[in-house]
Amino acid sequence: MNAFEQSIPSAQGGVGDSPVHESAHLHVSGSATYIDDIADPALGARYGGLKGIHADTSFQRYSDSTGCAPSAA
């Protein structure tokens, strides 16, 4: 085995394996930091975390689905 092959990490886990997520203990304990908990220094407050990332919370329909008959689905 050469130096290049030694630097490649081997795959871990497999079928039936349940690997633990790296921050699973934080999620379970309630102390995980979510993106909307990250303060935005430019705004001086919490506004959904990072600038330029916005969740689409609109209830407006984006298409007209009247052309599809339920029986055809």
PDB file of N, CA and C in Angstrom:
ATOM      1  N   MET A   1       0.853  -1.176   0.000  1.00  0.00           N
ATOM      2  CA  MET A   1       0.000   0.000   0.000  1.00  0.00           C
ATOM      3  C   MET A   1       0.898   1.237   0.000  1.00  0.00           C
ATOM      4  N   ASN A   2       0.588   2.185  -0.895  1.00  0.00           N
ATOM      5  CA  ASN A   2       1.416   3.386  -0.960  1.00  0.00           C
ATOM      6  C   ASN A   2       0.864   4.478  -0.029  1.00  0.00           C
ATOM      7  N   ALA A   3       1.555   5.631   0.041  1.00  0.00           N
ATOM      8  CA  ALA A   3       1.175   6.718   0.949  1.00  0.00           C
ATOM      9  C   ALA A   3      -0.186   7.303   0.592  1.00  0.00           C
ATOM     10  N   PHE A   4      -0.500   7.359  -0.707  1.00  0.00           N
ATOM     11  CA  PHE A   4      -1.796   7.900  -1.127  1.00  0.00           C
ATOM     12  C   PHE A   4      -2.933   7.021  -0.628  1.00  0.00           C
ATOM     13  N   GLU A   5      -2.789   5.713  -0.784  1.00  0.00           N
ATOM     14  CA  GLU A   5      -3.827   4.788  -0.342  1.00  0.00           C
ATOM     15  C   GLU A   5      -4.007   4.821   1.172  1.00  0.00           C
ATOM     16  N   GLN A   6      -2.938   5.067   1.898  1.00  0.00           N
ATOM     17  CA  GLN A   6      -3.017   5.127   3.353  1.00  0.00           C
ATOM     18  C   GLN A   6      -3.756   6.376   3.829  1.00  0.00           C
ATOM     19  N   SER A   7      -3.753   7.456   3.023  1.00  0.00           N
ATOM     20  CA  SER A   7      -4.391   8.699   3.445  1.00  0.00           C
ATOM     21  C   SER A   7      -5.888   8.720   3.162  1.00  0.00           C
ATOM     22  N   ILE A   8      -6.395   7.737   2.419  1.00  0.00           N
ATOM     23  CA  ILE A   8      -7.820   7.685   2.102  1.00  0.00           C
ATOM     24  C   ILE A   8      -8.547   6.973   3.243  1.00  0.00           C
ATOM     25  N   PRO A   9      -9.501   7.677   3.893  1.00  0.00           N
ATOM     26  CA  PRO A   9     -10.220   7.016   4.988  1.00  0.00           C
ATOM     27  C   PRO A   9     -11.143   5.934   4.452  1.00  0.00           C
ATOM     28  N   SER A  10     -11.275   4.866   5.197  1.00  0.00           N
ATOM     29  CA  SER A  10     -12.155   3.788   4.762  1.00  0.00           C
ATOM     30  C   SER A  10     -13.588   4.114   5.154  1.00  0.00           C
ATOM     31  N   ALA A  11     -14.516   3.569   4.403  1.00  0.00           N
ATOM     32  CA  ALA A  11     -15.932   3.782   4.689  1.00  0.00           C
ATOM     33  C   ALA A  11     -16.291   3.073   5.981  1.00  0.00           C
ATOM     34  N   GLN A  12     -17.157   3.708   6.750  1.00  0.00           N
ATOM     35  CA  GLN A  12     -17.593   3.105   8.002  1.00  0.00           C
ATOM     36  C   GLN A  12     -19.089   2.877   7.945  1.00  0.00           C
ATOM     37  N   GLY A  13     -19.541   1.938   8.703  1.00  0.00           N
ATOM     38  CA  GLY A  13     -20.968   1.648   8.729  1.00  0.00           C
ATOM     39  C   GLY A  13     -21.346   0.704   7.618  1.00  0.00           C
ATOM     40  N   GLY A  14     -22.612   0.485   7.486  1.00  0.00           N
ATOM     41  CA  GLY A  14     -23.101  -0.408   6.456  1.00  0.00           C
ATOM     42  C   GLY A  14     -24.564  -0.715   6.678  1.00  0.00           C
ATOM     43  N   VAL A  15     -25.040  -1.720   5.996  1.00  0.00           N
ATOM     44  CA  VAL A  15     -26.441  -2.105   6.106  1.00  0.00           C
ATOM     45  C   VAL A  15     -26.730  -2.549   7.533  1.00  0.00           C
ATOM     46  N   GLY A  16     -27.771  -1.978   8.118  1.00  0.00           N
ATOM     47  CA  GLY A  16     -28.158  -2.345   9.474  1.00  0.00           C
ATOM     48  C   GLY A  16     -27.389  -1.622  10.556  1.00  0.00           C
ATOM     49  N   ASP A  17     -26.409  -0.813  10.187  1.00  0.00           N
ATOM     50  CA  ASP A  17     -25.622  -0.075  11.168  1.00  0.00           C
ATOM     51  C   ASP A  17     -26.310   1.256  11.464  1.00  0.00           C
ATOM     52  N   SER A  18     -26.274   1.701  12.686  1.00  0.00           N
ATOM     53  CA  SER A  18     -26.886   2.971  13.085  1.00  0.00           C
ATOM     54  C   SER A  18     -25.819   3.896  13.653  1.00  0.00           C
ATOM     55  N   PRO A  19     -25.093   4.596  12.783  1.00  0.00           N
ATOM     56  CA  PRO A  19     -24.050   5.482  13.284  1.00  0.00           C
ATOM     57  C   PRO A  19     -24.655   6.686  14.013  1.00  0.00           C
ATOM     58  N   VAL A  20     -23.966   7.176  15.014  1.00  0.00           N
ATOM     59  CA  VAL A  20     -24.419   8.325  15.792  1.00  0.00           C
ATOM     60  C   VAL A  20     -24.003   9.595  15.070  1.00  0.00           C
ATOM     61  N   HIS A  21     -24.941  10.517  14.891  1.00  0.00           N
ATOM     62  CA  HIS A  21     -24.644  11.808  14.271  1.00  0.00           C
ATOM     63  C   HIS A  21     -23.736  12.587  15.210  1.00  0.00           C
ATOM     64  N   GLU A  22     -22.827  13.380  14.650  1.00  0.00           N
ATOM     65  CA  GLU A  22     -21.837  14.082  15.466  1.00  0.00           C
ATOM     66  C   GLU A  22     -22.443  15.055  16.474  1.00  0.00           C
ATOM     67  N   SER A  23     -23.649  15.557  16.216  1.00  0.00           N
ATOM     68  CA  SER A  23     -24.275  16.467  17.178  1.00  0.00           C
ATOM     69  C   SER A  23     -25.578  15.896  17.735  1.00  0.00           C
ATOM     70  N   ALA A  24     -25.733  14.597  17.681  1.00  0.00           N
ATOM     71  CA  ALA A  24     -26.970  13.971  18.158  1.00  0.00           C
ATOM     72  C   ALA A  24     -27.213  14.268  19.626  1.00  0.00           C
ATOM     73  N   HIS A  25     -26.173  14.222  20.446  1.00  0.00           N
ATOM     74  CA  HIS A  25     -26.350  14.480  21.876  1.00  0.00           C
ATOM     75  C   HIS A  25     -26.807  15.912  22.135  1.00  0.00           C
ATOM     76  N   LEU A  26     -26.402  16.856  21.280  1.00  0.00           N
ATOM     77  CA  LEU A  26     -26.841  18.244  21.435  1.00  0.00           C
ATOM     78  C   LEU A  26     -28.314  18.394  21.077  1.00  0.00           C
ATOM     79  N   HIS A  27     -28.758  17.699  20.025  1.00  0.00           N
ATOM     80  CA  HIS A  27     -30.164  17.765  19.630  1.00  0.00           C
ATOM     81  C   HIS A  27     -31.056  17.153  20.710  1.00  0.00           C
ATOM     82  N   VAL A  28     -30.646  16.027  21.249  1.00  0.00           N
ATOM     83  CA  VAL A  28     -31.443  15.339  22.259  1.00  0.00           C
ATOM     84  C   VAL A  28     -31.514  16.147  23.551  1.00  0.00           C
ATOM     85  N   SER A  29     -30.417  16.788  23.925  1.00  0.00           N
ATOM     86  CA  SER A  29     -30.388  17.549  25.179  1.00  0.00           C
ATOM     87  C   SER A  29     -31.006  18.934  25.046  1.00  0.00           C
ATOM     88  N   GLY A  30     -31.284  19.363  23.806  1.00  0.00           N
ATOM     89  CA  GLY A  30     -31.882  20.679  23.600  1.00  0.00           C
ATOM     90  C   GLY A  30     -30.876  21.802  23.546  1.00  0.00           C
ATOM     91  N   SER A  31     -29.593  21.484  23.441  1.00  0.00           N
ATOM     92  CA  SER A  31     -28.580  22.542  23.421  1.00  0.00           C
ATOM     93  C   SER A  31     -27.906  22.694  22.062  1.00  0.00           C
ATOM     94  N   ALA A  32     -28.502  22.143  21.016  1.00  0.00           N
ATOM     95  CA  ALA A  32     -27.950  22.300  19.667  1.00  0.00           C
ATOM     96  C   ALA A  32     -28.228  23.712  19.155  1.00  0.00           C
ATOM     97  N   THR A  33     -27.303  24.252  18.368  1.00  0.00           N
ATOM     98  CA  THR A  33     -27.480  25.569  17.768  1.00  0.00           C
ATOM     99  C   THR A  33     -28.038  25.385  16.366  1.00  0.00           C
ATOM    100  N   TYR A  34     -29.234  25.898  16.155  1.00  0.00           N
ATOM    101  CA  TYR A  34     -29.864  25.844  14.844  1.00  0.00           C
ATOM    102  C   TYR A  34     -29.580  27.142  14.105  1.00  0.00           C
ATOM    103  N   ILE A  35     -29.761  27.144  12.802  1.00  0.00           N
ATOM    104  CA  ILE A  35     -29.394  28.303  11.993  1.00  0.00           C
ATOM    105  C   ILE A  35     -30.173  29.550  12.398  1.00  0.00           C
ATOM    106  N   ASP A  36     -31.400  29.391  12.876  1.00  0.00           N
ATOM    107  CA  ASP A  36     -32.149  30.578  13.286  1.00  0.00           C
ATOM    108  C   ASP A  36     -31.761  31.062  14.680  1.00  0.00           C
ATOM    109  N   ASP A  37     -30.862  30.351  15.355  1.00  0.00           N
ATOM    110  CA  ASP A  37     -30.347  30.791  16.649  1.00  0.00           C
ATOM    111  C   ASP A  37     -29.052  31.584  16.511  1.00  0.00           C
ATOM    112  N   ILE A  38     -28.475  31.618  15.315  1.00  0.00           N
ATOM    113  CA  ILE A  38     -27.202  32.297  15.101  1.00  0.00           C
ATOM    114  C   ILE A  38     -27.465  33.782  14.915  1.00  0.00           C
ATOM    115  N   ALA A  39     -26.830  34.604  15.736  1.00  0.00           N
ATOM    116  CA  ALA A  39     -27.022  36.052  15.646  1.00  0.00           C
ATOM    117  C   ALA A  39     -26.344  36.591  14.395  1.00  0.00           C
ATOM    118  N   ASP A  40     -26.973  37.569  13.765  1.00  0.00           N
ATOM    119  CA  ASP A  40     -26.409  38.236  12.594  1.00  0.00           C
ATOM    120  C   ASP A  40     -25.823  39.563  13.053  1.00  0.00           C
ATOM    121  N   PRO A  41     -24.491  39.684  13.108  1.00  0.00           N
ATOM    122  CA  PRO A  41     -23.868  40.906  13.612  1.00  0.00           C
ATOM    123  C   PRO A  41     -24.256  42.149  12.820  1.00  0.00           C
ATOM    124  N   ALA A  42     -24.527  42.008  11.537  1.00  0.00           N
ATOM    125  CA  ALA A  42     -24.883  43.168  10.719  1.00  0.00           C
ATOM    126  C   ALA A  42     -26.240  43.729  11.129  1.00  0.00           C
ATOM    127  N   LEU A  43     -27.128  42.880  11.607  1.00  0.00           N
ATOM    128  CA  LEU A  43     -28.459  43.329  12.000  1.00  0.00           C
ATOM    129  C   LEU A  43     -28.564  43.569  13.500  1.00  0.00           C
ATOM    130  N   GLY A  44     -27.602  43.058  14.247  1.00  0.00           N
ATOM    131  CA  GLY A  44     -27.609  43.244  15.687  1.00  0.00           C
ATOM    132  C   GLY A  44     -28.686  42.452  16.401  1.00  0.00           C
ATOM    133  N   ALA A  45     -29.242  41.484  15.755  1.00  0.00           N
ATOM    134  CA  ALA A  45     -30.295  40.681  16.364  1.00  0.00           C
ATOM    135  C   ALA A  45     -30.380  39.341  15.657  1.00  0.00           C
ATOM    136  N   ARG A  46     -31.313  38.548  16.091  1.00  0.00           N
ATOM    137  CA  ARG A  46     -31.536  37.245  15.462  1.00  0.00           C
ATOM    138  C   ARG A  46     -32.584  37.388  14.382  1.00  0.00           C
ATOM    139  N   TYR A  47     -32.203  37.182  13.153  1.00  0.00           N
ATOM    140  CA  TYR A  47     -33.134  37.237  12.025  1.00  0.00           C
ATOM    141  C   TYR A  47     -32.912  36.046  11.113  1.00  0.00           C
ATOM    142  N   GLY A  48     -33.036  34.863  11.640  1.00  0.00           N
ATOM    143  CA  GLY A  48     -32.923  33.671  10.815  1.00  0.00           C
ATOM    144  C   GLY A  48     -31.500  33.292  10.485  1.00  0.00           C
ATOM    145  N   GLY A  49     -30.543  33.770  11.246  1.00  0.00           N
ATOM    146  CA  GLY A  49     -29.177  33.326  11.054  1.00  0.00           C
ATOM    147  C   GLY A  49     -28.427  34.089  10.004  1.00  0.00           C
ATOM    148  N   LEU A  50     -27.910  33.399   9.031  1.00  0.00           N
ATOM    149  CA  LEU A  50     -26.989  33.983   8.072  1.00  0.00           C
ATOM    150  C   LEU A  50     -27.688  34.859   7.056  1.00  0.00           C
ATOM    151  N   LYS A  51     -27.017  35.922   6.664  1.00  0.00           N
ATOM    152  CA  LYS A  51     -27.568  36.868   5.695  1.00  0.00           C
ATOM    153  C   LYS A  51     -27.716  36.188   4.332  1.00  0.00           C
ATOM    154  N   GLY A  52     -28.808  36.422   3.677  1.00  0.00           N
ATOM    155  CA  GLY A  52     -29.004  35.869   2.347  1.00  0.00           C
ATOM    156  C   GLY A  52     -29.705  34.530   2.332  1.00  0.00           C
ATOM    157  N   ILE A  53     -29.951  33.952   3.489  1.00  0.00           N
ATOM    158  CA  ILE A  53     -30.668  32.683   3.556  1.00  0.00           C
ATOM    159  C   ILE A  53     -32.059  32.986   4.094  1.00  0.00           C
ATOM    160  N   HIS A  54     -33.065  32.725   3.286  1.00  0.00           N
ATOM    161  CA  HIS A  54     -34.429  33.036   3.677  1.00  0.00           C
ATOM    162  C   HIS A  54     -35.311  31.816   3.451  1.00  0.00           C
ATOM    163  N   ALA A  55     -36.132  31.514   4.419  1.00  0.00           N
ATOM    164  CA  ALA A  55     -37.088  30.423   4.267  1.00  0.00           C
ATOM    165  C   ALA A  55     -38.320  30.952   3.553  1.00  0.00           C
ATOM    166  N   ASP A  56     -38.862  30.175   2.659  1.00  0.00           N
ATOM    167  CA  ASP A  56     -40.067  30.568   1.944  1.00  0.00           C
ATOM    168  C   ASP A  56     -41.270  30.199   2.803  1.00  0.00           C
ATOM    169  N   THR A  57     -41.859  31.198   3.427  1.00  0.00           N
ATOM    170  CA  THR A  57     -42.989  30.956   4.311  1.00  0.00           C
ATOM    171  C   THR A  57     -44.301  31.418   3.692  1.00  0.00           C
ATOM    172  N   SER A  58     -44.320  31.599   2.391  1.00  0.00           N
ATOM    173  CA  SER A  58     -45.510  32.082   1.702  1.00  0.00           C
ATOM    174  C   SER A  58     -46.546  30.974   1.591  1.00  0.00           C
ATOM    175  N   PHE A  59     -47.802  31.361   1.746  1.00  0.00           N
ATOM    176  CA  PHE A  59     -48.891  30.412   1.573  1.00  0.00           C
ATOM    177  C   PHE A  59     -49.513  30.542   0.187  1.00  0.00           C
ATOM    178  N   GLN A  60     -48.908  31.334  -0.660  1.00  0.00           N
ATOM    179  CA  GLN A  60     -49.409  31.556  -2.013  1.00  0.00           C
ATOM    180  C   GLN A  60     -49.113  30.333  -2.875  1.00  0.00           C
ATOM    181  N   ARG A  61     -50.084  29.958  -3.707  1.00  0.00           N
ATOM    182  CA  ARG A  61     -49.854  28.850  -4.634  1.00  0.00           C
ATOM    183  C   ARG A  61     -48.965  29.332  -5.767  1.00  0.00           C
ATOM    184  N   TYR A  62     -48.092  28.482  -6.237  1.00  0.00           N
ATOM    185  CA  TYR A  62     -47.196  28.825  -7.327  1.00  0.00           C
ATOM    186  C   TYR A  62     -47.658  28.266  -8.659  1.00  0.00           C
ATOM    187  N   SER A  63     -48.692  27.471  -8.644  1.00  0.00           N
ATOM    188  CA  SER A  63     -49.194  26.916  -9.894  1.00  0.00           C
ATOM    189  C   SER A  63     -50.697  26.718  -9.784  1.00  0.00           C
ATOM    190  N   ASP A  64     -51.310  26.573 -10.914  1.00  0.00           N
ATOM    191  CA  ASP A  64     -52.744  26.325 -10.956  1.00  0.00           C
ATOM    192  C   ASP A  64     -52.948  24.838 -11.184  1.00  0.00           C
ATOM    193  N   SER A  65     -53.465  24.160 -10.200  1.00  0.00           N
ATOM    194  CA  SER A  65     -53.612  22.711 -10.308  1.00  0.00           C
ATOM    195  C   SER A  65     -55.027  22.301 -10.694  1.00  0.00           C
ATOM    196  N   THR A  66     -55.796  23.231 -11.276  1.00  0.00           N
ATOM    197  CA  THR A  66     -57.175  22.890 -11.644  1.00  0.00           C
ATOM    198  C   THR A  66     -57.243  21.999 -12.872  1.00  0.00           C
ATOM    199  N   GLY A  67     -56.143  21.852 -13.608  1.00  0.00           N
ATOM    200  CA  GLY A  67     -56.160  21.061 -14.829  1.00  0.00           C
ATOM    201  C   GLY A  67     -55.935  19.583 -14.603  1.00  0.00           C
ATOM    202  N   CYS A  68     -55.819  19.141 -13.375  1.00  0.00           N
ATOM    203  CA  CYS A  68     -55.550  17.735 -13.087  1.00  0.00           C
ATOM    204  C   CYS A  68     -56.755  17.127 -12.382  1.00  0.00           C
ATOM    205  N   ALA A  69     -57.330  16.143 -12.986  1.00  0.00           N
ATOM    206  CA  ALA A  69     -58.479  15.476 -12.373  1.00  0.00           C
ATOM    207  C   ALA A  69     -57.985  14.493 -11.320  1.00  0.00           C
ATOM    208  N   PRO A  70     -58.604  14.459 -10.143  1.00  0.00           N
ATOM    209  CA  PRO A  70     -58.157  13.530  -9.093  1.00  0.00           C
ATOM    210  C   PRO A  70     -58.195  12.075  -9.537  1.00  0.00           C
ATOM    211  N   SER A  71     -59.101  11.733 -10.425  1.00  0.00           N
ATOM    212  CA  SER A  71     -59.186  10.344 -10.872  1.00  0.00           C
ATOM    213  C   SER A  71     -57.985   9.948 -11.724  1.00  0.00           C
ATOM    214  N   ALA A  72     -57.323  10.941 -12.327  1.00  0.00           N
ATOM    215  CA  ALA A  72     -56.165  10.645 -13.166  1.00  0.00           C
ATOM    216  C   ALA A  72     -54.903  10.423 -12.338  1.00  0.00           C
ATOM    217  N   ALA A  73     -54.950  10.795 -11.099  1.00  0.00           N
ATOM    218  CA  ALA A  73     -53.750  10.697 -10.256  1.00  0.00           C
ATOM    219  C   ALA A  73     -53.477   9.279  -9.842  1.00  0.00           C
TER     220      ALA A  73
END
